[in-house]
Amino acid sequence: MYAVDVILGPIISEKSMNDASKGKYTFKVTIKAGKADIKKAVEERYKVNVLKMSTMTIKGRSARAGAKRLEIAKSPFKKAIVTVKAGQKIGIFDTSGIENK
């Protein structure tokens, strides 16, 4: 698998941004990707050293949307939390403007 095929995008939330300041970055990845594929893709794409990683599969849920409140099924996806070597950062998770309170 190619790096662009494995990593679908970053997951930007309040929790993931707090973890980013600690060196943990959260990505949405393809369901078929294994830990070795994800590690290789992150190291290749962002030029960092991956120390630790955890993955989890998020099940698909249903939501109601629209004027008629029709039920829409959301597809399942895989989430990877990657810890990088101290001192290294990934640019999309720029936390320089955020103050820790």
PDB file of N, CA and C in Angstrom:
ATOM      1  N   MET A   1       0.830  -1.195   0.000  1.00  0.00           N
ATOM      2  CA  MET A   1       0.000   0.000   0.000  1.00  0.00           C
ATOM      3  C   MET A   1       0.871   1.254   0.000  1.00  0.00           C
ATOM      4  N   TYR A   2       0.376   2.285  -0.648  1.00  0.00           N
ATOM      5  CA  TYR A   2       1.069   3.567  -0.675  1.00  0.00           C
ATOM      6  C   TYR A   2       0.634   4.412   0.509  1.00  0.00           C
ATOM      7  N   ALA A   3       1.473   5.365   0.908  1.00  0.00           N
ATOM      8  CA  ALA A   3       1.180   6.217   2.066  1.00  0.00           C
ATOM      9  C   ALA A   3      -0.108   7.015   1.869  1.00  0.00           C
ATOM     10  N   VAL A   4      -0.359   7.465   0.640  1.00  0.00           N
ATOM     11  CA  VAL A   4      -1.571   8.244   0.389  1.00  0.00           C
ATOM     12  C   VAL A   4      -2.823   7.376   0.439  1.00  0.00           C
ATOM     13  N   ASP A   5      -2.671   6.079   0.222  1.00  0.00           N
ATOM     14  CA  ASP A   5      -3.804   5.168   0.296  1.00  0.00           C
ATOM     15  C   ASP A   5      -4.130   4.778   1.736  1.00  0.00           C
ATOM     16  N   VAL A   6      -3.154   4.786   2.614  1.00  0.00           N
ATOM     17  CA  VAL A   6      -3.341   4.337   3.995  1.00  0.00           C
ATOM     18  C   VAL A   6      -3.958   5.434   4.853  1.00  0.00           C
ATOM     19  N   ILE A   7      -3.364   6.630   4.842  1.00  0.00           N
ATOM     20  CA  ILE A   7      -3.829   7.726   5.698  1.00  0.00           C
ATOM     21  C   ILE A   7      -4.907   8.508   4.962  1.00  0.00           C
ATOM     22  N   LEU A   8      -6.120   8.510   5.524  1.00  0.00           N
ATOM     23  CA  LEU A   8      -7.228   9.245   4.911  1.00  0.00           C
ATOM     24  C   LEU A   8      -7.236  10.699   5.350  1.00  0.00           C
ATOM     25  N   GLY A   9      -6.747  10.974   6.555  1.00  0.00           N
ATOM     26  CA  GLY A   9      -6.692  12.355   7.032  1.00  0.00           C
ATOM     27  C   GLY A   9      -6.540  12.416   8.533  1.00  0.00           C
ATOM     28  N   PRO A  10      -6.257  13.598   9.054  1.00  0.00           N
ATOM     29  CA  PRO A  10      -6.143  13.755  10.507  1.00  0.00           C
ATOM     30  C   PRO A  10      -7.525  13.851  11.142  1.00  0.00           C
ATOM     31  N   ILE A  11      -7.596  13.486  12.409  1.00  0.00           N
ATOM     32  CA  ILE A  11      -8.820  13.673  13.177  1.00  0.00           C
ATOM     33  C   ILE A  11      -8.563  14.851  14.115  1.00  0.00           C
ATOM     34  N   ILE A  12      -9.273  15.945  13.862  1.00  0.00           N
ATOM     35  CA  ILE A  12      -9.084  17.167  14.630  1.00  0.00           C
ATOM     36  C   ILE A  12     -10.251  17.305  15.602  1.00  0.00           C
ATOM     37  N   SER A  13      -9.956  17.148  16.876  1.00  0.00           N
ATOM     38  CA  SER A  13     -10.944  17.337  17.931  1.00  0.00           C
ATOM     39  C   SER A  13     -10.226  17.940  19.129  1.00  0.00           C
ATOM     40  N   GLU A  14     -10.961  18.291  20.138  1.00  0.00           N
ATOM     41  CA  GLU A  14     -10.348  18.878  21.326  1.00  0.00           C
ATOM     42  C   GLU A  14      -9.383  17.900  21.985  1.00  0.00           C
ATOM     43  N   LYS A  15      -9.775  16.651  22.092  1.00  0.00           N
ATOM     44  CA  LYS A  15      -8.924  15.637  22.709  1.00  0.00           C
ATOM     45  C   LYS A  15      -7.669  15.378  21.873  1.00  0.00           C
ATOM     46  N   SER A  16      -7.827  15.287  20.553  1.00  0.00           N
ATOM     47  CA  SER A  16      -6.663  15.015  19.710  1.00  0.00           C
ATOM     48  C   SER A  16      -5.686  16.190  19.713  1.00  0.00           C
ATOM     49  N   MET A  17      -6.180  17.397  19.824  1.00  0.00           N
ATOM     50  CA  MET A  17      -5.282  18.551  19.883  1.00  0.00           C
ATOM     51  C   MET A  17      -4.537  18.607  21.220  1.00  0.00           C
ATOM     52  N   ASN A  18      -5.180  18.197  22.301  1.00  0.00           N
ATOM     53  CA  ASN A  18      -4.483  18.111  23.592  1.00  0.00           C
ATOM     54  C   ASN A  18      -3.410  17.033  23.541  1.00  0.00           C
ATOM     55  N   ASP A  19      -3.716  15.910  22.907  1.00  0.00           N
ATOM     56  CA  ASP A  19      -2.726  14.838  22.758  1.00  0.00           C
ATOM     57  C   ASP A  19      -1.580  15.252  21.839  1.00  0.00           C
ATOM     58  N   ALA A  20      -1.859  16.095  20.860  1.00  0.00           N
ATOM     59  CA  ALA A  20      -0.818  16.540  19.927  1.00  0.00           C
ATOM     60  C   ALA A  20       0.268  17.326  20.647  1.00  0.00           C
ATOM     61  N   SER A  21      -0.106  18.051  21.677  1.00  0.00           N
ATOM     62  CA  SER A  21       0.906  18.788  22.444  1.00  0.00           C
ATOM     63  C   SER A  21       1.789  17.840  23.250  1.00  0.00           C
ATOM     64  N   LYS A  22       1.356  16.590  23.429  1.00  0.00           N
ATOM     65  CA  LYS A  22       2.135  15.571  24.147  1.00  0.00           C
ATOM     66  C   LYS A  22       2.873  14.638  23.196  1.00  0.00           C
ATOM     67  N   GLY A  23       2.741  14.868  21.878  1.00  0.00           N
ATOM     68  CA  GLY A  23       3.436  14.045  20.892  1.00  0.00           C
ATOM     69  C   GLY A  23       2.623  12.878  20.369  1.00  0.00           C
ATOM     70  N   LYS A  24       1.288  12.876  20.609  1.00  0.00           N
ATOM     71  CA  LYS A  24       0.406  11.826  20.099  1.00  0.00           C
ATOM     72  C   LYS A  24      -0.499  12.437  19.036  1.00  0.00           C
ATOM     73  N   TYR A  25      -0.535  11.807  17.871  1.00  0.00           N
ATOM     74  CA  TYR A  25      -1.301  12.328  16.743  1.00  0.00           C
ATOM     75  C   TYR A  25      -2.322  11.296  16.293  1.00  0.00           C
ATOM     76  N   THR A  26      -3.536  11.758  15.967  1.00  0.00           N
ATOM     77  CA  THR A  26      -4.645  10.878  15.625  1.00  0.00           C
ATOM     78  C   THR A  26      -4.979  11.002  14.138  1.00  0.00           C
ATOM     79  N   PHE A  27      -5.084   9.846  13.465  1.00  0.00           N
ATOM     80  CA  PHE A  27      -5.382   9.810  12.043  1.00  0.00           C
ATOM     81  C   PHE A  27      -6.531   8.861  11.754  1.00  0.00           C
ATOM     82  N   LYS A  28      -7.272   9.172  10.694  1.00  0.00           N
ATOM     83  CA  LYS A  28      -8.274   8.265  10.159  1.00  0.00           C
ATOM     84  C   LYS A  28      -7.579   7.484   9.052  1.00  0.00           C
ATOM     85  N   VAL A  29      -7.596   6.147   9.156  1.00  0.00           N
ATOM     86  CA  VAL A  29      -6.883   5.298   8.199  1.00  0.00           C
ATOM     87  C   VAL A  29      -7.847   4.285   7.593  1.00  0.00           C
ATOM     88  N   THR A  30      -7.406   3.620   6.532  1.00  0.00           N
ATOM     89  CA  THR A  30      -8.257   2.616   5.896  1.00  0.00           C
ATOM     90  C   THR A  30      -8.412   1.404   6.812  1.00  0.00           C
ATOM     91  N   ILE A  31      -9.527   0.735   6.702  1.00  0.00           N
ATOM     92  CA  ILE A  31      -9.817  -0.408   7.572  1.00  0.00           C
ATOM     93  C   ILE A  31      -8.854  -1.555   7.312  1.00  0.00           C
ATOM     94  N   LYS A  32      -8.413  -1.733   6.083  1.00  0.00           N
ATOM     95  CA  LYS A  32      -7.557  -2.860   5.728  1.00  0.00           C
ATOM     96  C   LYS A  32      -6.091  -2.671   6.128  1.00  0.00           C
ATOM     97  N   ALA A  33      -5.699  -1.474   6.528  1.00  0.00           N
ATOM     98  CA  ALA A  33      -4.300  -1.208   6.859  1.00  0.00           C
ATOM     99  C   ALA A  33      -3.924  -1.811   8.214  1.00  0.00           C
ATOM    100  N   GLY A  34      -2.758  -2.435   8.283  1.00  0.00           N
ATOM    101  CA  GLY A  34      -2.239  -2.975   9.533  1.00  0.00           C
ATOM    102  C   GLY A  34      -1.320  -1.958  10.200  1.00  0.00           C
ATOM    103  N   LYS A  35      -0.844  -2.288  11.407  1.00  0.00           N
ATOM    104  CA  LYS A  35       0.012  -1.367  12.136  1.00  0.00           C
ATOM    105  C   LYS A  35       1.312  -1.081  11.397  1.00  0.00           C
ATOM    106  N   ALA A  36       1.883  -2.084  10.770  1.00  0.00           N
ATOM    107  CA  ALA A  36       3.140  -1.890  10.033  1.00  0.00           C
ATOM    108  C   ALA A  36       2.933  -0.939   8.852  1.00  0.00           C
ATOM    109  N   ASP A  37       1.801  -1.085   8.157  1.00  0.00           N
ATOM    110  CA  ASP A  37       1.490  -0.199   7.028  1.00  0.00           C
ATOM    111  C   ASP A  37       1.312   1.236   7.497  1.00  0.00           C
ATOM    112  N   ILE A  38       0.617   1.418   8.618  1.00  0.00           N
ATOM    113  CA  ILE A  38       0.354   2.752   9.146  1.00  0.00           C
ATOM    114  C   ILE A  38       1.656   3.407   9.601  1.00  0.00           C
ATOM    115  N   LYS A  39       2.495   2.657  10.290  1.00  0.00           N
ATOM    116  CA  LYS A  39       3.775   3.191  10.771  1.00  0.00           C
ATOM    117  C   LYS A  39       4.639   3.640   9.599  1.00  0.00           C
ATOM    118  N   LYS A  40       4.726   2.810   8.578  1.00  0.00           N
ATOM    119  CA  LYS A  40       5.530   3.128   7.397  1.00  0.00           C
ATOM    120  C   LYS A  40       4.986   4.370   6.693  1.00  0.00           C
ATOM    121  N   ALA A  41       3.661   4.467   6.585  1.00  0.00           N
ATOM    122  CA  ALA A  41       3.032   5.594   5.896  1.00  0.00           C
ATOM    123  C   ALA A  41       3.261   6.905   6.646  1.00  0.00           C
ATOM    124  N   VAL A  42       3.148   6.892   7.972  1.00  0.00           N
ATOM    125  CA  VAL A  42       3.340   8.109   8.761  1.00  0.00           C
ATOM    126  C   VAL A  42       4.800   8.550   8.694  1.00  0.00           C
ATOM    127  N   GLU A  43       5.722   7.610   8.838  1.00  0.00           N
ATOM    128  CA  GLU A  43       7.144   7.954   8.777  1.00  0.00           C
ATOM    129  C   GLU A  43       7.535   8.489   7.402  1.00  0.00           C
ATOM    130  N   GLU A  44       6.974   7.906   6.364  1.00  0.00           N
ATOM    131  CA  GLU A  44       7.292   8.300   4.997  1.00  0.00           C
ATOM    132  C   GLU A  44       6.687   9.655   4.652  1.00  0.00           C
ATOM    133  N   ARG A  45       5.462   9.882   5.062  1.00  0.00           N
ATOM    134  CA  ARG A  45       4.742  11.100   4.666  1.00  0.00           C
ATOM    135  C   ARG A  45       5.144  12.325   5.480  1.00  0.00           C
ATOM    136  N   TYR A  46       5.372  12.145   6.794  1.00  0.00           N
ATOM    137  CA  TYR A  46       5.629  13.293   7.667  1.00  0.00           C
ATOM    138  C   TYR A  46       7.070  13.386   8.158  1.00  0.00           C
ATOM    139  N   LYS A  47       7.940  12.452   7.765  1.00  0.00           N
ATOM    140  CA  LYS A  47       9.365  12.462   8.119  1.00  0.00           C
ATOM    141  C   LYS A  47       9.593  12.527   9.633  1.00  0.00           C
ATOM    142  N   VAL A  48       8.927  11.635  10.366  1.00  0.00           N
ATOM    143  CA  VAL A  48       9.088  11.516  11.819  1.00  0.00           C
ATOM    144  C   VAL A  48       9.387  10.066  12.171  1.00  0.00           C
ATOM    145  N   ASN A  49       9.832   9.824  13.400  1.00  0.00           N
ATOM    146  CA  ASN A  49      10.071   8.469  13.892  1.00  0.00           C
ATOM    147  C   ASN A  49       8.919   8.067  14.796  1.00  0.00           C
ATOM    148  N   VAL A  50       8.229   6.987  14.453  1.00  0.00           N
ATOM    149  CA  VAL A  50       7.101   6.503  15.240  1.00  0.00           C
ATOM    150  C   VAL A  50       7.619   5.568  16.321  1.00  0.00           C
ATOM    151  N   LEU A  51       7.296   5.883  17.592  1.00  0.00           N
ATOM    152  CA  LEU A  51       7.714   5.049  18.708  1.00  0.00           C
ATOM    153  C   LEU A  51       6.646   4.038  19.096  1.00  0.00           C
ATOM    154  N   LYS A  52       5.401   4.487  19.141  1.00  0.00           N
ATOM    155  CA  LYS A  52       4.310   3.643  19.624  1.00  0.00           C
ATOM    156  C   LYS A  52       3.047   3.968  18.837  1.00  0.00           C
ATOM    157  N   MET A  53       2.152   2.984  18.733  1.00  0.00           N
ATOM    158  CA  MET A  53       0.923   3.197  17.999  1.00  0.00           C
ATOM    159  C   MET A  53      -0.181   2.310  18.552  1.00  0.00           C
ATOM    160  N   SER A  54      -1.391   2.839  18.549  1.00  0.00           N
ATOM    161  CA  SER A  54      -2.553   2.026  18.886  1.00  0.00           C
ATOM    162  C   SER A  54      -3.620   2.283  17.827  1.00  0.00           C
ATOM    163  N   THR A  55      -4.363   1.236  17.497  1.00  0.00           N
ATOM    164  CA  THR A  55      -5.419   1.361  16.494  1.00  0.00           C
ATOM    165  C   THR A  55      -6.730   0.863  17.072  1.00  0.00           C
ATOM    166  N   MET A  56      -7.807   1.389  16.546  1.00  0.00           N
ATOM    167  CA  MET A  56      -9.134   0.931  16.949  1.00  0.00           C
ATOM    168  C   MET A  56     -10.094   1.100  15.785  1.00  0.00           C
ATOM    169  N   THR A  57     -11.047   0.195  15.681  1.00  0.00           N
ATOM    170  CA  THR A  57     -12.063   0.271  14.644  1.00  0.00           C
ATOM    171  C   THR A  57     -13.314   0.886  15.254  1.00  0.00           C
ATOM    172  N   ILE A  58     -13.771   1.968  14.661  1.00  0.00           N
ATOM    173  CA  ILE A  58     -14.973   2.666  15.119  1.00  0.00           C
ATOM    174  C   ILE A  58     -16.143   2.149  14.296  1.00  0.00           C
ATOM    175  N   LYS A  59     -17.144   1.602  14.969  1.00  0.00           N
ATOM    176  CA  LYS A  59     -18.268   1.006  14.240  1.00  0.00           C
ATOM    177  C   LYS A  59     -19.142   2.087  13.606  1.00  0.00           C
ATOM    178  N   GLY A  60     -19.815   1.712  12.535  1.00  0.00           N
ATOM    179  CA  GLY A  60     -20.715   2.628  11.851  1.00  0.00           C
ATOM    180  C   GLY A  60     -21.964   2.869  12.685  1.00  0.00           C
ATOM    181  N   ARG A  61     -22.413   4.086  12.690  1.00  0.00           N
ATOM    182  CA  ARG A  61     -23.593   4.445  13.478  1.00  0.00           C
ATOM    183  C   ARG A  61     -24.638   5.044  12.557  1.00  0.00           C
ATOM    184  N   SER A  62     -25.832   5.201  13.078  1.00  0.00           N
ATOM    185  CA  SER A  62     -26.882   5.839  12.299  1.00  0.00           C
ATOM    186  C   SER A  62     -27.189   7.210  12.884  1.00  0.00           C
ATOM    187  N   ALA A  63     -27.521   8.137  12.011  1.00  0.00           N
ATOM    188  CA  ALA A  63     -27.861   9.492  12.433  1.00  0.00           C
ATOM    189  C   ALA A  63     -29.085   9.944  11.660  1.00  0.00           C
ATOM    190  N   ARG A  64     -29.830  10.859  12.235  1.00  0.00           N
ATOM    191  CA  ARG A  64     -31.004  11.404  11.560  1.00  0.00           C
ATOM    192  C   ARG A  64     -30.666  12.803  11.057  1.00  0.00           C
ATOM    193  N   ALA A  65     -31.016  13.065   9.793  1.00  0.00           N
ATOM    194  CA  ALA A  65     -30.691  14.358   9.202  1.00  0.00           C
ATOM    195  C   ALA A  65     -31.758  14.772   8.206  1.00  0.00           C
ATOM    196  N   GLY A  66     -31.787  16.047   7.916  1.00  0.00           N
ATOM    197  CA  GLY A  66     -32.716  16.568   6.919  1.00  0.00           C
ATOM    198  C   GLY A  66     -34.051  16.983   7.508  1.00  0.00           C
ATOM    199  N   ALA A  67     -34.882  17.561   6.670  1.00  0.00           N
ATOM    200  CA  ALA A  67     -36.187  18.060   7.110  1.00  0.00           C
ATOM    201  C   ALA A  67     -37.115  16.915   7.519  1.00  0.00           C
ATOM    202  N   LYS A  68     -37.006  15.779   6.833  1.00  0.00           N
ATOM    203  CA  LYS A  68     -37.864  14.636   7.158  1.00  0.00           C
ATOM    204  C   LYS A  68     -37.237  13.721   8.204  1.00  0.00           C
ATOM    205  N   ARG A  69     -36.044  14.093   8.684  1.00  0.00           N
ATOM    206  CA  ARG A  69     -35.337  13.326   9.727  1.00  0.00           C
ATOM    207  C   ARG A  69     -35.098  11.876   9.294  1.00  0.00           C
ATOM    208  N   LEU A  70     -34.656  11.716   8.069  1.00  0.00           N
ATOM    209  CA  LEU A  70     -34.356  10.386   7.547  1.00  0.00           C
ATOM    210  C   LEU A  70     -33.103   9.829   8.215  1.00  0.00           C
ATOM    211  N   GLU A  71     -33.077   8.515   8.371  1.00  0.00           N
ATOM    212  CA  GLU A  71     -31.945   7.870   9.017  1.00  0.00           C
ATOM    213  C   GLU A  71     -30.839   7.621   7.992  1.00  0.00           C
ATOM    214  N   ILE A  72     -29.631   8.073   8.319  1.00  0.00           N
ATOM    215  CA  ILE A  72     -28.469   7.920   7.450  1.00  0.00           C
ATOM    216  C   ILE A  72     -27.451   7.039   8.171  1.00  0.00           C
ATOM    217  N   ALA A  73     -26.930   6.032   7.475  1.00  0.00           N
ATOM    218  CA  ALA A  73     -25.933   5.140   8.073  1.00  0.00           C
ATOM    219  C   ALA A  73     -24.542   5.697   7.807  1.00  0.00           C
ATOM    220  N   LYS A  74     -23.744   5.849   8.865  1.00  0.00           N
ATOM    221  CA  LYS A  74     -22.358   6.289   8.734  1.00  0.00           C
ATOM    222  C   LYS A  74     -21.478   5.051   8.651  1.00  0.00           C
ATOM    223  N   SER A  75     -20.510   5.082   7.767  1.00  0.00           N
ATOM    224  CA  SER A  75     -19.670   3.904   7.548  1.00  0.00           C
ATOM    225  C   SER A  75     -18.620   3.760   8.653  1.00  0.00           C
ATOM    226  N   PRO A  76     -18.219   2.528   8.949  1.00  0.00           N
ATOM    227  CA  PRO A  76     -17.177   2.321   9.962  1.00  0.00           C
ATOM    228  C   PRO A  76     -15.809   2.767   9.424  1.00  0.00           C
ATOM    229  N   PHE A  77     -14.902   3.114  10.351  1.00  0.00           N
ATOM    230  CA  PHE A  77     -13.556   3.497   9.958  1.00  0.00           C
ATOM    231  C   PHE A  77     -12.570   3.083  11.041  1.00  0.00           C
ATOM    232  N   LYS A  78     -11.308   3.161  10.711  1.00  0.00           N
ATOM    233  CA  LYS A  78     -10.245   2.794  11.634  1.00  0.00           C
ATOM    234  C   LYS A  78      -9.508   4.053  12.062  1.00  0.00           C
ATOM    235  N   LYS A  79      -9.194   4.142  13.354  1.00  0.00           N
ATOM    236  CA  LYS A  79      -8.504   5.290  13.908  1.00  0.00           C
ATOM    237  C   LYS A  79      -7.159   4.829  14.450  1.00  0.00           C
ATOM    238  N   ALA A  80      -6.101   5.588  14.170  1.00  0.00           N
ATOM    239  CA  ALA A  80      -4.762   5.261  14.650  1.00  0.00           C
ATOM    240  C   ALA A  80      -4.227   6.429  15.463  1.00  0.00           C
ATOM    241  N   ILE A  81      -3.729   6.141  16.677  1.00  0.00           N
ATOM    242  CA  ILE A  81      -3.086   7.143  17.517  1.00  0.00           C
ATOM    243  C   ILE A  81      -1.598   6.826  17.514  1.00  0.00           C
ATOM    244  N   VAL A  82      -0.808   7.755  16.981  1.00  0.00           N
ATOM    245  CA  VAL A  82       0.616   7.546  16.764  1.00  0.00           C
ATOM    246  C   VAL A  82       1.414   8.430  17.706  1.00  0.00           C
ATOM    247  N   THR A  83       2.386   7.840  18.418  1.00  0.00           N
ATOM    248  CA  THR A  83       3.291   8.599  19.274  1.00  0.00           C
ATOM    249  C   THR A  83       4.628   8.726  18.554  1.00  0.00           C
ATOM    250  N   VAL A  84       5.108   9.958  18.428  1.00  0.00           N
ATOM    251  CA  VAL A  84       6.371  10.189  17.728  1.00  0.00           C
ATOM    252  C   VAL A  84       7.485  10.503  18.729  1.00  0.00           C
ATOM    253  N   LYS A  85       8.719  10.455  18.238  1.00  0.00           N
ATOM    254  CA  LYS A  85       9.896  10.706  19.060  1.00  0.00           C
ATOM    255  C   LYS A  85       9.846  12.125  19.637  1.00  0.00           C
ATOM    256  N   ALA A  86      10.342  12.298  20.856  1.00  0.00           N
ATOM    257  CA  ALA A  86      10.322  13.602  21.529  1.00  0.00           C
ATOM    258  C   ALA A  86      11.051  14.644  20.694  1.00  0.00           C
ATOM    259  N   GLY A  87      10.456  15.814  20.578  1.00  0.00           N
ATOM    260  CA  GLY A  87      11.045  16.891  19.800  1.00  0.00           C
ATOM    261  C   GLY A  87      10.573  16.949  18.364  1.00  0.00           C
ATOM    262  N   GLN A  88       9.909  15.903  17.883  1.00  0.00           N
ATOM    263  CA  GLN A  88       9.408  15.890  16.512  1.00  0.00           C
ATOM    264  C   GLN A  88       7.933  16.276  16.507  1.00  0.00           C
ATOM    265  N   LYS A  89       7.511  16.941  15.439  1.00  0.00           N
ATOM    266  CA  LYS A  89       6.124  17.392  15.321  1.00  0.00           C
ATOM    267  C   LYS A  89       5.604  17.111  13.925  1.00  0.00           C
ATOM    268  N   ILE A  90       4.281  17.054  13.828  1.00  0.00           N
ATOM    269  CA  ILE A  90       3.603  16.936  12.540  1.00  0.00           C
ATOM    270  C   ILE A  90       2.880  18.261  12.311  1.00  0.00           C
ATOM    271  N   GLY A  91       3.125  18.875  11.167  1.00  0.00           N
ATOM    272  CA  GLY A  91       2.673  20.232  10.891  1.00  0.00           C
ATOM    273  C   GLY A  91       1.175  20.473  10.932  1.00  0.00           C
ATOM    274  N   ILE A  92       0.370  19.506  10.528  1.00  0.00           N
ATOM    275  CA  ILE A  92      -1.076  19.749  10.489  1.00  0.00           C
ATOM    276  C   ILE A  92      -1.675  19.907  11.880  1.00  0.00           C
ATOM    277  N   PHE A  93      -1.001  19.386  12.871  1.00  0.00           N
ATOM    278  CA  PHE A  93      -1.472  19.496  14.256  1.00  0.00           C
ATOM    279  C   PHE A  93      -0.716  20.616  14.964  1.00  0.00           C
ATOM    280  N   ASP A  94      -0.682  21.798  14.379  1.00  0.00           N
ATOM    281  CA  ASP A  94       0.069  22.912  14.957  1.00  0.00           C
ATOM    282  C   ASP A  94      -0.645  23.435  16.189  1.00  0.00           C
ATOM    283  N   THR A  95      -0.025  23.287  17.353  1.00  0.00           N
ATOM    284  CA  THR A  95      -0.631  23.705  18.617  1.00  0.00           C
ATOM    285  C   THR A  95       0.080  24.914  19.205  1.00  0.00           C
ATOM    286  N   SER A  96       0.808  25.661  18.395  1.00  0.00           N
ATOM    287  CA  SER A  96       1.573  26.783  18.909  1.00  0.00           C
ATOM    288  C   SER A  96       0.681  27.920  19.402  1.00  0.00           C
ATOM    289  N   GLY A  97      -0.498  28.095  18.813  1.00  0.00           N
ATOM    290  CA  GLY A  97      -1.392  29.173  19.215  1.00  0.00           C
ATOM    291  C   GLY A  97      -2.327  28.821  20.351  1.00  0.00           C
ATOM    292  N   ILE A  98      -2.285  27.573  20.830  1.00  0.00           N
ATOM    293  CA  ILE A  98      -3.196  27.128  21.886  1.00  0.00           C
ATOM    294  C   ILE A  98      -2.492  27.230  23.233  1.00  0.00           C
ATOM    295  N   GLU A  99      -3.178  27.842  24.183  1.00  0.00           N
ATOM    296  CA  GLU A  99      -2.626  27.944  25.537  1.00  0.00           C
ATOM    297  C   GLU A  99      -3.184  26.821  26.389  1.00  0.00           C
ATOM    298  N   ASN A 100      -2.341  26.186  27.172  1.00  0.00           N
ATOM    299  CA  ASN A 100      -2.802  25.160  28.112  1.00  0.00           C
ATOM    300  C   ASN A 100      -3.205  25.814  29.411  1.00  0.00           C
ATOM    301  N   LYS A 101      -4.433  25.583  29.827  1.00  0.00           N
ATOM    302  CA  LYS A 101      -4.938  26.203  31.064  1.00  0.00           C
ATOM    303  C   LYS A 101      -5.041  25.182  32.154  1.00  0.00           C
TER     304      LYS A 101
END
